Protein backbone atom coordinates (compact mmCIF):
# COMPACT_ATOMS: atom_id res chain seq x y z
CA MET A 1 0.00 0.00 0.00
CA ASP A 2 1.08 3.62 -0.50
CA THR A 3 2.20 4.97 2.87
CA THR A 4 3.92 8.13 1.62
CA THR A 5 1.21 10.34 3.10
CA ILE A 6 2.00 9.24 6.66
CA ASP A 7 4.72 11.89 6.97
CA LEU A 8 2.32 14.76 6.24
CA PRO A 9 1.30 16.90 9.25
CA ILE A 10 -1.86 14.97 10.01
CA PRO A 11 -2.55 14.16 13.68
CA ASP A 12 -3.01 10.56 14.78
CA LEU A 13 -6.66 9.90 13.91
CA SER A 14 -6.56 6.62 15.84
CA ASN A 15 -5.83 8.40 19.12
CA PRO A 16 -8.84 9.74 21.10
CA GLU A 17 -6.65 12.54 22.46
CA THR A 18 -6.61 14.05 18.97
CA PHE A 19 -10.34 14.74 19.33
CA VAL A 20 -10.38 16.09 22.89
CA PRO A 21 -9.75 19.75 21.89
CA GLY A 22 -12.38 19.39 19.15
CA VAL A 23 -12.91 17.74 15.80
CA PRO A 24 -9.68 18.29 13.75
CA HIS A 25 -11.44 19.81 10.76
CA GLU A 26 -8.31 21.48 9.41
CA ALA A 27 -6.63 18.07 9.25
CA PHE A 28 -9.67 16.59 7.53
CA ASP A 29 -9.52 19.42 4.97
CA ARG A 30 -5.92 18.45 4.19
CA VAL A 31 -6.78 14.76 3.97
CA ARG A 32 -9.74 15.45 1.69
CA ALA A 33 -7.52 17.43 -0.69
CA MET A 34 -5.08 14.53 -1.11
CA PRO A 35 -5.30 12.23 -4.12
CA GLY A 36 -6.50 8.75 -3.26
CA LEU A 37 -7.08 7.97 0.41
CA TYR A 38 -5.10 8.50 3.62
CA TRP A 39 -3.80 5.46 5.53
CA GLN A 40 -3.80 5.79 9.33
CA PRO A 41 -1.78 3.15 11.20
CA ALA A 42 -3.44 1.80 14.36
CA THR A 43 -2.09 -0.50 17.05
CA GLN A 44 -5.47 -2.04 17.86
CA GLY A 45 -9.04 -2.31 16.65
CA THR A 46 -8.48 -3.25 12.99
CA LEU A 47 -7.62 -6.42 11.10
CA THR A 48 -4.70 -5.08 9.05
CA GLY A 49 -2.91 -2.60 11.33
CA GLY A 50 -4.74 0.57 10.42
CA PHE A 51 -7.57 2.11 8.44
CA TRP A 52 -8.24 4.22 5.37
CA ALA A 53 -9.63 7.65 6.27
CA VAL A 54 -12.50 8.30 3.83
CA THR A 55 -13.37 12.00 3.97
CA ARG A 56 -15.12 12.88 0.69
CA HIS A 57 -18.91 12.92 0.53
CA ALA A 58 -19.07 11.05 -2.81
CA ASP A 59 -16.65 8.33 -1.65
CA ILE A 60 -18.70 7.58 1.45
CA ILE A 61 -21.91 7.37 -0.55
CA GLU A 62 -20.25 4.96 -2.98
CA ILE A 63 -18.92 2.70 -0.22
CA GLU A 64 -22.20 2.58 1.69
CA ARG A 65 -24.06 1.62 -1.46
CA ASP A 66 -21.88 -1.47 -1.98
CA PRO A 67 -22.13 -3.84 1.03
CA GLU A 68 -20.91 -6.70 -1.16
CA ALA A 69 -17.51 -5.02 -1.45
CA PHE A 70 -17.54 -3.17 1.88
CA THR A 71 -19.10 -5.17 4.68
CA SER A 72 -20.41 -4.22 8.12
CA THR A 73 -19.87 -7.73 9.48
CA LYS A 74 -16.30 -7.07 10.61
CA GLY A 75 -17.17 -4.11 12.81
CA PHE A 76 -19.02 -0.83 12.37
CA PHE A 77 -16.78 1.44 14.45
CA PHE A 78 -13.12 1.93 15.36
CA PRO A 79 -11.58 0.39 17.39
CA GLY A 80 -13.97 -2.53 17.05
CA ALA A 81 -12.98 -4.92 14.28
CA VAL A 82 -14.06 -8.55 14.75
CA GLU A 83 -12.77 -11.53 12.79
CA ASN A 84 -15.86 -13.71 13.21
CA ILE A 85 -19.11 -12.33 14.64
CA SER A 86 -20.64 -15.81 14.79
CA GLU A 87 -18.49 -16.49 17.87
CA VAL A 88 -20.21 -13.72 19.89
CA PRO A 89 -24.06 -13.97 20.12
CA GLU A 90 -24.41 -10.31 21.08
CA LEU A 91 -22.70 -9.41 17.81
CA ARG A 92 -24.20 -12.06 15.54
CA SER A 93 -27.72 -10.72 16.12
CA ASN A 94 -26.80 -7.03 15.91
CA ILE A 95 -28.35 -5.25 12.93
CA MET A 96 -25.33 -2.93 12.74
CA LEU A 97 -23.07 -5.95 12.19
CA ASN A 98 -25.05 -7.46 9.36
CA ASP A 99 -25.39 -6.81 5.64
CA PRO A 100 -28.43 -7.40 3.44
CA PRO A 101 -30.37 -9.66 3.30
CA THR A 102 -30.12 -10.31 7.07
CA GLN A 103 -29.89 -6.59 7.80
CA THR A 104 -32.89 -5.94 5.55
CA ARG A 105 -34.98 -8.54 7.39
CA LEU A 106 -34.11 -7.10 10.80
CA ARG A 107 -34.71 -3.53 9.65
CA LYS A 108 -38.08 -4.40 8.12
CA ALA A 109 -39.30 -5.82 11.43
CA ALA A 110 -39.04 -2.46 13.14
CA ALA A 111 -39.15 0.09 10.33
CA ARG A 112 -42.86 0.79 10.48
CA SER A 113 -42.48 2.09 14.05
CA PHE A 114 -40.13 4.84 12.84
CA ALA A 115 -41.80 5.94 9.62
CA PRO A 116 -42.01 9.76 9.51
CA ARG A 117 -45.82 9.68 9.50
CA VAL A 118 -45.77 7.51 12.64
CA VAL A 119 -43.16 9.61 14.41
CA ALA A 120 -45.22 12.74 13.67
CA GLN A 121 -47.87 11.29 15.96
CA PHE A 122 -45.36 11.28 18.83
CA ASP A 123 -45.38 15.07 19.03
CA GLU A 124 -47.70 15.38 22.03
CA TRP A 125 -45.95 12.98 24.42
CA VAL A 126 -42.44 13.98 23.32
CA ARG A 127 -43.42 17.59 24.01
CA GLU A 128 -44.61 16.57 27.48
CA ILE A 129 -41.17 15.08 28.20
CA VAL A 130 -39.36 18.15 26.88
CA VAL A 131 -41.52 20.57 28.87
CA GLU A 132 -40.99 18.55 32.05
CA VAL A 133 -37.23 18.71 31.57
CA ILE A 134 -37.26 22.45 30.80
CA GLU A 135 -39.33 23.18 33.91
CA ASP A 136 -36.89 21.17 36.03
CA ILE A 137 -33.79 23.08 34.89
CA VAL A 138 -35.51 26.47 35.15
CA ALA A 139 -36.45 25.63 38.72
CA LYS A 140 -32.84 24.71 39.48
CA GLY A 141 -31.40 27.85 37.93
CA GLU A 142 -27.96 26.30 37.73
CA PHE A 143 -27.43 22.88 36.15
CA ASP A 144 -25.42 20.73 33.76
CA TRP A 145 -27.06 20.84 30.34
CA VAL A 146 -25.56 17.49 29.36
CA ALA A 147 -26.70 15.53 32.41
CA ASP A 148 -29.99 17.33 33.04
CA VAL A 149 -31.23 17.87 29.48
CA ALA A 150 -29.21 16.15 26.74
CA ALA A 151 -29.16 12.81 28.55
CA ILE A 152 -32.67 12.90 29.97
CA ILE A 153 -34.80 13.76 26.93
CA PRO A 154 -33.59 11.05 24.50
CA SER A 155 -33.40 8.30 27.13
CA ARG A 156 -36.97 9.01 28.29
CA VAL A 157 -38.16 9.15 24.70
CA VAL A 158 -36.45 5.85 23.85
CA ALA A 159 -37.94 4.25 26.95
CA ARG A 160 -41.41 5.34 25.80
CA VAL A 161 -40.81 4.11 22.22
CA ILE A 162 -39.73 0.70 23.48
CA GLY A 163 -42.65 0.54 25.89
CA VAL A 164 -40.78 0.62 29.20
CA PRO A 165 -43.30 1.30 31.99
CA PHE A 166 -43.14 4.84 33.37
CA GLU A 167 -41.95 3.70 36.78
CA GLU A 168 -39.00 1.85 35.19
CA ARG A 169 -37.82 4.52 32.77
CA GLN A 170 -35.02 5.69 35.09
CA LYS A 171 -33.35 2.33 34.47
CA ILE A 172 -33.04 3.22 30.79
CA VAL A 173 -31.62 6.65 31.67
CA ASP A 174 -29.00 5.07 33.96
CA TRP A 175 -28.07 2.21 31.62
CA THR A 176 -27.70 4.38 28.53
CA ASN A 177 -25.48 6.79 30.43
CA ARG A 178 -23.37 3.87 31.67
CA ILE A 179 -22.96 2.46 28.15
CA PHE A 180 -22.18 5.92 26.81
CA HIS A 181 -19.37 6.39 29.33
CA ALA A 182 -18.08 2.84 28.77
CA SER A 183 -17.45 3.78 25.14
CA THR A 184 -14.90 6.39 26.26
CA VAL A 185 -12.41 4.12 28.03
CA PRO A 186 -9.52 2.09 26.58
CA ASP A 187 -10.63 -1.34 25.31
CA ASN A 188 -14.07 0.23 24.87
CA PHE A 189 -15.42 -2.67 22.82
CA LYS A 190 -15.25 -5.00 25.84
CA SER A 191 -16.44 -2.24 28.20
CA VAL A 192 -19.52 -1.53 26.10
CA LEU A 193 -20.45 -5.22 25.98
CA GLU A 194 -20.17 -5.46 29.77
CA ALA A 195 -22.17 -2.27 30.34
CA SER A 196 -24.87 -3.60 28.01
CA GLU A 197 -25.46 -6.81 29.97
CA PRO A 198 -28.21 -5.44 32.28
CA VAL A 199 -29.97 -3.94 29.27
CA HIS A 200 -29.97 -7.31 27.50
CA ALA A 201 -31.30 -9.01 30.62
CA TYR A 202 -34.08 -6.46 30.97
CA MET A 203 -35.11 -6.77 27.32
CA GLU A 204 -35.28 -10.55 27.62
CA GLU A 205 -37.65 -10.12 30.54
CA LEU A 206 -39.67 -7.41 28.78
CA ARG A 207 -40.55 -9.46 25.69
CA PRO A 208 -42.98 -11.93 27.34
CA ARG A 209 -44.57 -9.04 29.23
CA LYS A 210 -45.31 -7.35 25.92
CA LEU A 211 -46.99 -10.48 24.60
CA ARG A 212 -49.17 -10.72 27.70
CA ASP A 213 -50.08 -7.03 27.64
CA PRO A 214 -49.55 -5.67 24.10
CA LYS A 215 -49.31 -1.93 23.52
CA GLU A 216 -48.59 0.39 20.61
CA ASP A 217 -44.84 0.36 21.12
CA MET A 218 -41.64 -1.09 19.69
CA GLY A 219 -41.36 -3.76 22.37
CA THR A 220 -44.75 -5.19 21.44
CA ILE A 221 -44.09 -5.03 17.69
CA LEU A 222 -40.81 -6.91 17.96
CA ALA A 223 -42.16 -9.46 20.44
CA GLN A 224 -44.93 -10.22 17.97
CA CYS A 225 -42.33 -10.52 15.18
CA VAL A 226 -40.64 -13.22 17.24
CA GLU A 227 -43.93 -15.04 17.66
CA ARG A 228 -44.45 -15.00 13.87
CA GLY A 229 -40.94 -16.31 13.28
CA GLU A 230 -39.76 -13.16 11.47
CA ILE A 231 -36.88 -12.59 13.89
CA SER A 232 -35.30 -14.67 16.65
CA GLU A 233 -35.48 -14.05 20.40
CA ASP A 234 -31.81 -13.00 20.38
CA GLU A 235 -32.38 -10.60 17.49
CA CYS A 236 -35.33 -9.04 19.30
CA CYS A 237 -33.35 -8.56 22.51
CA ILE A 238 -30.26 -7.17 20.79
CA TYR A 239 -32.30 -4.80 18.64
CA LEU A 240 -34.09 -3.32 21.66
CA SER A 241 -30.79 -3.02 23.53
CA LEU A 242 -29.17 -1.31 20.53
CA LEU A 243 -32.11 1.08 20.33
CA CYS A 244 -31.35 2.22 23.88
CA VAL A 245 -27.88 3.29 22.76
CA ALA A 246 -28.37 4.34 19.15
CA GLY A 247 -31.66 6.09 19.89
CA PHE A 248 -29.90 7.94 22.67
CA GLU A 249 -26.47 8.86 21.36
CA THR A 250 -27.10 10.98 18.24
CA THR A 251 -29.77 13.07 19.91
CA HIS A 252 -27.82 13.30 23.17
CA THR A 253 -24.73 14.71 21.47
CA ALA A 254 -26.66 16.96 19.09
CA ILE A 255 -28.61 18.53 21.97
CA ALA A 256 -25.44 18.94 24.02
CA GLN A 257 -23.22 20.43 21.31
CA SER A 258 -25.92 22.70 19.86
CA MET A 259 -26.36 24.45 23.20
CA ARG A 260 -22.60 24.74 23.62
CA MET A 261 -22.48 26.55 20.27
CA ILE A 262 -25.27 28.89 21.35
CA VAL A 263 -23.79 29.92 24.70
CA GLU A 264 -20.30 30.32 23.22
CA SER A 265 -21.33 32.47 20.23
CA PRO A 266 -23.70 35.44 20.49
CA GLU A 267 -23.87 35.44 16.68
CA ILE A 268 -25.10 31.84 16.60
CA ALA A 269 -27.48 32.53 19.47
CA GLU A 270 -29.05 35.37 17.51
CA THR A 271 -29.19 33.27 14.33
CA VAL A 272 -30.98 30.51 16.22
CA ASN A 273 -33.47 32.92 17.73
CA GLN A 274 -34.25 34.59 14.40
CA THR A 275 -34.50 31.29 12.55
CA VAL A 276 -36.97 29.76 15.01
CA ALA A 277 -39.00 32.99 15.10
CA ALA A 278 -39.24 32.95 11.31
CA GLY A 279 -40.53 29.36 11.28
CA GLY A 280 -37.27 27.85 10.11
CA VAL A 281 -36.73 25.43 12.97
CA ASN A 282 -36.50 22.40 10.66
CA ALA A 283 -33.70 23.99 8.64
CA LEU A 284 -32.01 24.96 11.90
CA ILE A 285 -32.01 21.37 13.09
CA GLU A 286 -30.58 20.14 9.78
CA GLU A 287 -27.70 22.63 10.05
CA PHE A 288 -26.99 21.64 13.65
CA LEU A 289 -26.91 17.99 12.55
CA ARG A 290 -24.52 18.77 9.69
CA TYR A 291 -22.27 21.04 11.69
CA ILE A 292 -22.04 18.83 14.79
CA THR A 293 -22.20 15.35 13.19
CA PRO A 294 -22.65 13.44 16.49
CA ALA A 295 -21.39 10.06 15.21
CA MET A 296 -18.23 11.25 13.50
CA ASN A 297 -17.66 8.07 11.55
CA MET A 298 -18.68 4.51 10.81
CA ALA A 299 -16.52 1.61 9.64
CA ARG A 300 -16.75 -0.84 6.77
CA THR A 301 -14.28 -3.57 5.79
CA ALA A 302 -13.16 -4.51 2.29
CA THR A 303 -14.24 -8.05 1.38
CA ARG A 304 -11.63 -8.41 -1.38
CA ASP A 305 -8.63 -6.71 -2.92
CA LEU A 306 -9.91 -3.76 -4.94
CA GLU A 307 -9.18 -0.23 -6.13
CA LEU A 308 -10.91 2.94 -4.97
CA ARG A 309 -9.98 6.41 -6.27
CA GLY A 310 -6.76 4.95 -7.62
CA GLN A 311 -5.89 3.50 -4.22
CA GLN A 312 -5.17 -0.20 -3.81
CA ILE A 313 -7.29 -1.57 -0.97
CA ARG A 314 -6.54 -5.00 0.53
CA LYS A 315 -9.08 -7.54 1.69
CA GLY A 316 -9.63 -6.91 5.41
CA ASP A 317 -8.73 -3.21 5.30
CA MET A 318 -10.98 -1.02 7.41
CA MET A 319 -12.56 1.94 5.66
CA LEU A 320 -13.37 4.60 8.27
CA LEU A 321 -16.13 6.75 6.80
CA TYR A 322 -15.73 10.20 8.29
CA PHE A 323 -19.23 11.69 8.12
CA THR A 324 -17.91 14.69 10.02
CA ALA A 325 -15.47 15.44 7.18
CA ALA A 326 -17.97 14.70 4.40
CA ASN A 327 -20.38 17.14 6.02
CA ARG A 328 -17.76 19.85 5.49
CA ASP A 329 -16.91 18.80 1.91
CA PRO A 330 -16.69 21.98 -0.24
CA ALA A 331 -17.75 19.94 -3.27
CA ILE A 332 -21.19 19.67 -1.62
CA PHE A 333 -21.45 22.62 0.78
CA SER A 334 -20.57 26.23 0.11
CA GLU A 335 -18.61 27.81 2.98
CA PRO A 336 -18.73 24.44 4.78
CA HIS A 337 -17.21 25.68 8.03
CA GLN A 338 -19.86 28.38 8.41
CA PHE A 339 -22.97 27.68 10.48
CA ASN A 340 -25.79 28.67 8.14
CA PRO A 341 -29.38 27.42 8.66
CA ALA A 342 -30.40 29.29 5.49
CA ARG A 343 -28.68 26.78 3.20
CA VAL A 344 -30.86 26.06 0.17
CA LYS A 345 -29.70 22.44 0.06
CA ASN A 346 -28.33 20.57 3.05
CA GLU A 347 -27.35 17.13 1.85
CA HIS A 348 -25.58 16.08 5.04
CA ILE A 349 -25.02 12.41 5.80
CA THR A 350 -25.14 12.66 9.57
CA PHE A 351 -27.46 9.66 9.65
CA GLY A 352 -25.43 7.70 7.12
CA SER A 353 -26.72 6.47 3.79
CA GLY A 354 -27.47 3.22 2.02
CA ALA A 355 -28.77 0.15 3.82
CA HIS A 356 -27.68 1.41 7.25
CA HIS A 357 -29.26 4.86 7.01
CA CYS A 358 -30.37 5.56 10.59
CA ILE A 359 -33.86 4.20 11.09
CA GLY A 360 -34.59 6.60 13.95
CA ASN A 361 -33.59 9.83 12.18
CA ALA A 362 -37.14 11.24 12.17
CA LEU A 363 -37.39 10.75 15.93
CA ALA A 364 -34.08 12.51 16.58
CA ARG A 365 -35.21 15.44 14.46
CA LEU A 366 -38.55 15.59 16.30
CA GLU A 367 -36.91 15.75 19.73
CA MET A 368 -34.59 18.58 18.70
CA ARG A 369 -37.33 20.52 16.94
CA ILE A 370 -39.63 20.40 19.96
CA LEU A 371 -36.82 21.37 22.34
CA PHE A 372 -35.97 24.54 20.41
CA GLU A 373 -39.63 25.39 19.89
CA GLU A 374 -40.34 25.16 23.60
CA LEU A 375 -37.25 27.12 24.61
CA HIS A 376 -38.17 29.87 22.12
CA LYS A 377 -41.81 29.91 23.22
CA ARG A 378 -40.72 30.57 26.80
CA ASN A 379 -38.00 33.04 25.79
CA ILE A 380 -35.50 31.11 27.88
CA SER A 381 -31.80 31.76 27.48
CA PHE A 382 -28.72 30.49 29.28
CA LYS A 383 -25.21 31.59 30.09
CA SER A 384 -22.06 29.67 30.79
CA ASN A 385 -21.56 28.65 34.42
CA GLY A 386 -18.27 26.78 34.10
CA ASN A 387 -16.02 25.17 31.54
CA PRO A 388 -17.44 22.54 29.17
CA LYS A 389 -15.77 19.14 29.18
CA ARG A 390 -15.34 17.24 25.95
CA GLY A 391 -15.28 13.48 25.73
CA TRP A 392 -12.49 11.06 24.85
CA SER A 393 -13.50 9.34 21.64
CA THR A 394 -12.55 8.85 18.01
CA PHE A 395 -16.15 7.84 17.29
CA ILE A 396 -18.58 10.24 18.96
CA ASN A 397 -18.32 14.05 19.04
CA GLN A 398 -18.84 13.83 22.76
CA LEU A 399 -19.55 16.52 25.30
CA PHE A 400 -19.53 15.31 28.91
CA GLU A 401 -20.34 18.50 30.80
CA LEU A 402 -21.81 21.92 30.02
CA PRO A 403 -22.46 23.92 33.21
CA LEU A 404 -25.11 26.58 32.57
CA ALA A 405 -27.26 29.05 34.44
CA VAL A 406 -30.64 30.44 33.46
CA VAL A 407 -30.55 34.11 32.46
CA ARG A 408 -33.13 35.78 34.64
């Protein structure tokens, strides 16, 4: 392989410390401008000693459209490559670690619960959750936006979507936070699996309850799919457990980072206020999603020796698809580093593309839209009350703490 680009001044993209100060967008700009692809050596988490950094919008779209050449079955994030998922039941039944047709079958079982027309009907009860959270932080006056808002809203919403009883929803809040933090430590693959164990146990216990007392929720739908033989018991359990994390993480980080942007920039704060007032909240959310890109990347693995953009790729090479770089690709976005909700076209790929396009994207958008609508309706604003604390991850654009105070 061509390793001549390694000597260029690009930070170590395999090291979480590179991302602690912020997403290295200047480095991604340099990588994107290179011919071919950039090879990043890595001491762990891949099958061939490193990964190809894929930063161009068009390249990511092409790779995600071709699961036959670029599979998800060897791991969907870095560092998390697996040689044989069949050896680990928790992985074998995971929709994120399967390609079509298995992935298609699993996705079909739950897709109708997340159709935009269905999610639109969630508005009333999602708004109730958001209002409850807003009232709580206003009463406190001083609080941590990440812990008290960004973590609470999506975990409560996911609990409701799954069909977790109201009195048990705090379990989902606690477990999702635990899994989220497990993803930030060394050897995070093992840590995440261990942190997920109580979630798996709970979902196994929830399935028969949903059959005895069916409701209009995801837990009931998937339990009934098991009864009809459309999915297995393991697949049902793993899917619901994954929903706790995936349904939490994108929204959690987007809510956290969007408020950080607002309190740190009076210009952005005014843009947000004017945009919501003018009825442009949907465009605002799309720009936040593009600009923040909560899940910075996803991984695919080459199934054979091949060539991409003139670059020789070996079988087993990890392709790390940097959505965060593609969402700043000047070939797609004018002035890509500018926050601009007035963009005529916003073709971001924050939720991925192809077969693995995020099934819960409409729900994430709904939660964010309602949050900004309710904050604007109440004319609530905040100021910094301490230093924000970023996470330690090559995968998620994490924000751990954002101390704020209500402006009275």
